[in-house]
Amino acid sequence: MAETLDATDWAILTELQTDGRLPLTELSRRVSLSASATTERVRRLEQAGVITGYRAVVDLGATGYAVLAVIRLKYPGSQHGPLHRLLAERVEIVECLRTTGEDCYTLKVAALSMGHLERVVDELAAFGSTTTNIVYSETLSYRGVQAPS
């Protein structure tokens, strides 16, 4: 569908990525469409799988997760099912990307403490070698995608 996104679709996506709770009446005002036309556009973007969901952005520290880490995993095996099951079970693993290059996976892990992080890393190390980086701060939060130039 990417090639069929027009300027209005991108305007809707920009607004919803900034504030997913934006009332449709306000969204329609911001993108200069009627409320019904905006509703139909949003529904079409959802049905096409362009918009895949809505979520709250949560401050990890405010919820008790004091440590944020990025873990790279070199996974030498060809059976990824056991690892995928662990990823599904461990709520501390908040994001996982399968990547090319020397590392197979890059994970974002939120832990309650360094000891908690150590336990998660130990579990991941059963699947291959890990490299862990502690996050000091988030310089750029996820800002969503924008229309290609």
Protein backbone atom coordinates (compact mmCIF):
# COMPACT_ATOMS: atom_id res chain seq x y z
CA MET A 1 0.00 0.00 0.00
CA ALA A 2 3.00 2.34 0.47
CA GLU A 3 2.86 3.49 -3.11
CA THR A 4 -0.81 4.39 -2.74
CA LEU A 5 -0.38 6.61 0.32
CA ASP A 6 -1.17 10.19 -0.61
CA ALA A 7 -0.38 13.42 1.21
CA THR A 8 -3.60 13.20 3.26
CA ASP A 9 -2.80 9.64 4.38
CA TRP A 10 0.65 10.82 5.46
CA ALA A 11 -0.87 13.78 7.30
CA ILE A 12 -3.18 11.39 9.18
CA LEU A 13 -0.28 9.05 9.98
CA THR A 14 1.85 11.94 11.23
CA GLU A 15 -0.89 13.17 13.56
CA LEU A 16 -1.77 9.71 14.90
CA GLN A 17 1.89 8.81 15.49
CA THR A 18 2.20 11.98 17.56
CA ASP A 19 -1.06 11.40 19.46
CA GLY A 20 -2.91 8.13 18.94
CA ARG A 21 -5.74 9.35 21.19
CA LEU A 22 -6.48 12.37 19.06
CA PRO A 23 -10.26 12.65 18.66
CA LEU A 24 -11.40 12.08 15.08
CA THR A 25 -13.02 15.52 15.01
CA GLU A 26 -9.69 17.18 15.85
CA LEU A 27 -7.82 14.88 13.45
CA SER A 28 -10.24 15.78 10.65
CA ARG A 29 -9.72 19.49 11.38
CA ARG A 30 -5.93 19.11 11.28
CA VAL A 31 -5.93 17.25 7.96
CA SER A 32 -8.68 19.41 6.40
CA LEU A 33 -11.22 16.64 5.81
CA SER A 34 -14.72 15.98 7.04
CA ALA A 35 -15.04 13.72 10.07
CA SER A 36 -16.63 10.96 7.96
CA ALA A 37 -13.89 11.14 5.30
CA THR A 38 -11.22 11.04 8.02
CA THR A 39 -12.89 8.08 9.70
CA GLU A 40 -12.97 6.22 6.39
CA ARG A 41 -9.30 7.02 5.71
CA VAL A 42 -8.25 5.77 9.16
CA ARG A 43 -10.33 2.62 8.74
CA ARG A 44 -8.73 2.00 5.30
CA LEU A 45 -5.22 2.49 6.75
CA GLU A 46 -6.03 0.03 9.55
CA GLN A 47 -7.51 -2.57 7.19
CA ALA A 48 -4.53 -2.31 4.86
CA GLY A 49 -2.19 -2.99 7.79
CA VAL A 50 -0.53 0.43 7.62
CA ILE A 51 -1.82 1.28 11.09
CA THR A 52 -1.26 -1.86 13.14
CA GLY A 53 -2.31 -0.62 16.57
CA TYR A 54 -2.35 2.12 19.17
CA ARG A 55 -0.41 2.17 22.42
CA ALA A 56 0.60 4.33 25.33
CA VAL A 57 4.19 5.47 25.65
CA VAL A 58 5.26 4.60 29.20
CA ASP A 59 8.13 6.04 31.24
CA LEU A 60 9.99 2.88 32.29
CA GLY A 61 11.57 4.52 35.36
CA ALA A 62 8.18 5.64 36.63
CA THR A 63 6.99 2.01 36.53
CA GLY A 64 9.99 0.66 38.45
CA TYR A 65 12.09 -0.51 35.51
CA ALA A 66 15.25 1.38 36.46
CA VAL A 67 17.61 -0.23 33.93
CA LEU A 68 17.26 -0.18 30.16
CA ALA A 69 19.67 -2.22 28.07
CA VAL A 70 20.28 -3.09 24.46
CA ILE A 71 21.43 -6.68 24.02
CA ARG A 72 22.88 -8.09 20.85
CA LEU A 73 22.64 -11.85 20.46
CA LYS A 74 24.68 -14.04 18.13
CA TYR A 75 22.51 -17.07 17.58
CA PRO A 76 24.41 -19.94 15.95
CA GLY A 77 21.42 -22.29 15.71
CA SER A 78 18.95 -22.71 12.90
CA GLN A 79 15.95 -23.55 15.10
CA HIS A 80 14.63 -20.23 16.37
CA GLY A 81 11.46 -21.58 18.02
CA PRO A 82 12.92 -21.99 21.54
CA LEU A 83 14.31 -18.46 21.45
CA HIS A 84 11.01 -17.07 20.18
CA ARG A 85 9.22 -18.82 23.06
CA LEU A 86 11.58 -17.17 25.57
CA LEU A 87 10.99 -13.80 23.91
CA ALA A 88 7.24 -14.26 24.29
CA GLU A 89 7.54 -15.32 27.95
CA ARG A 90 9.96 -12.66 29.23
CA VAL A 91 8.03 -9.43 29.75
CA GLU A 92 11.31 -7.60 30.33
CA ILE A 93 12.13 -7.98 26.64
CA VAL A 94 10.17 -5.05 25.24
CA GLU A 95 11.49 -5.13 21.69
CA CYS A 96 13.38 -7.57 19.47
CA LEU A 97 14.69 -7.14 15.96
CA ARG A 98 16.14 -9.90 13.79
CA THR A 99 19.09 -8.37 11.99
CA THR A 100 21.78 -9.06 9.44
CA GLY A 101 25.46 -8.93 10.20
CA GLU A 102 27.46 -10.50 12.99
CA ASP A 103 24.55 -10.39 15.47
CA CYS A 104 21.29 -12.15 14.70
CA TYR A 105 19.04 -10.32 17.16
CA THR A 106 19.00 -6.92 18.85
CA LEU A 107 16.81 -6.73 21.94
CA LYS A 108 15.68 -3.88 24.15
CA VAL A 109 15.33 -5.05 27.75
CA ALA A 110 13.76 -3.18 30.68
CA ALA A 111 14.93 -4.50 34.05
CA LEU A 112 14.07 -3.68 37.64
CA SER A 113 17.74 -3.79 38.70
CA MET A 114 21.17 -4.83 37.50
CA GLY A 115 20.63 -8.24 39.11
CA HIS A 116 17.37 -8.63 37.23
CA LEU A 117 19.12 -7.68 33.98
CA GLU A 118 21.87 -10.21 34.72
CA ARG A 119 19.29 -12.99 35.04
CA VAL A 120 17.70 -12.06 31.70
CA VAL A 121 21.12 -11.93 30.01
CA ASP A 122 21.99 -15.33 31.50
CA GLU A 123 18.84 -16.81 29.97
CA LEU A 124 19.63 -15.28 26.58
CA ALA A 125 23.25 -16.50 26.77
CA ALA A 126 21.93 -20.07 26.63
CA PHE A 127 21.13 -19.34 22.95
CA GLY A 128 24.47 -17.79 21.97
CA SER A 129 26.90 -15.05 22.83
CA THR A 130 25.54 -11.73 24.02
CA THR A 131 26.80 -8.17 24.13
CA THR A 132 25.00 -5.87 26.54
CA ASN A 133 24.93 -2.08 26.51
CA ILE A 134 23.30 -0.12 29.33
CA VAL A 135 21.29 2.89 28.14
CA TYR A 136 22.15 6.14 29.93
CA SER A 137 19.39 8.16 28.30
CA GLU A 138 17.18 8.22 25.25
CA THR A 139 18.51 10.88 22.92
CA LEU A 140 15.79 10.41 20.33
CA SER A 141 12.51 8.67 21.11
CA TYR A 142 10.68 6.78 18.40
CA ARG A 143 9.14 9.52 16.32
CA GLY A 144 7.29 7.52 13.71
CA VAL A 145 7.79 7.39 9.99
CA GLN A 146 7.31 10.33 7.66
CA ALA A 147 6.47 10.56 3.99
CA PRO A 148 9.52 9.85 1.84
CA SER A 149 11.02 12.95 0.22
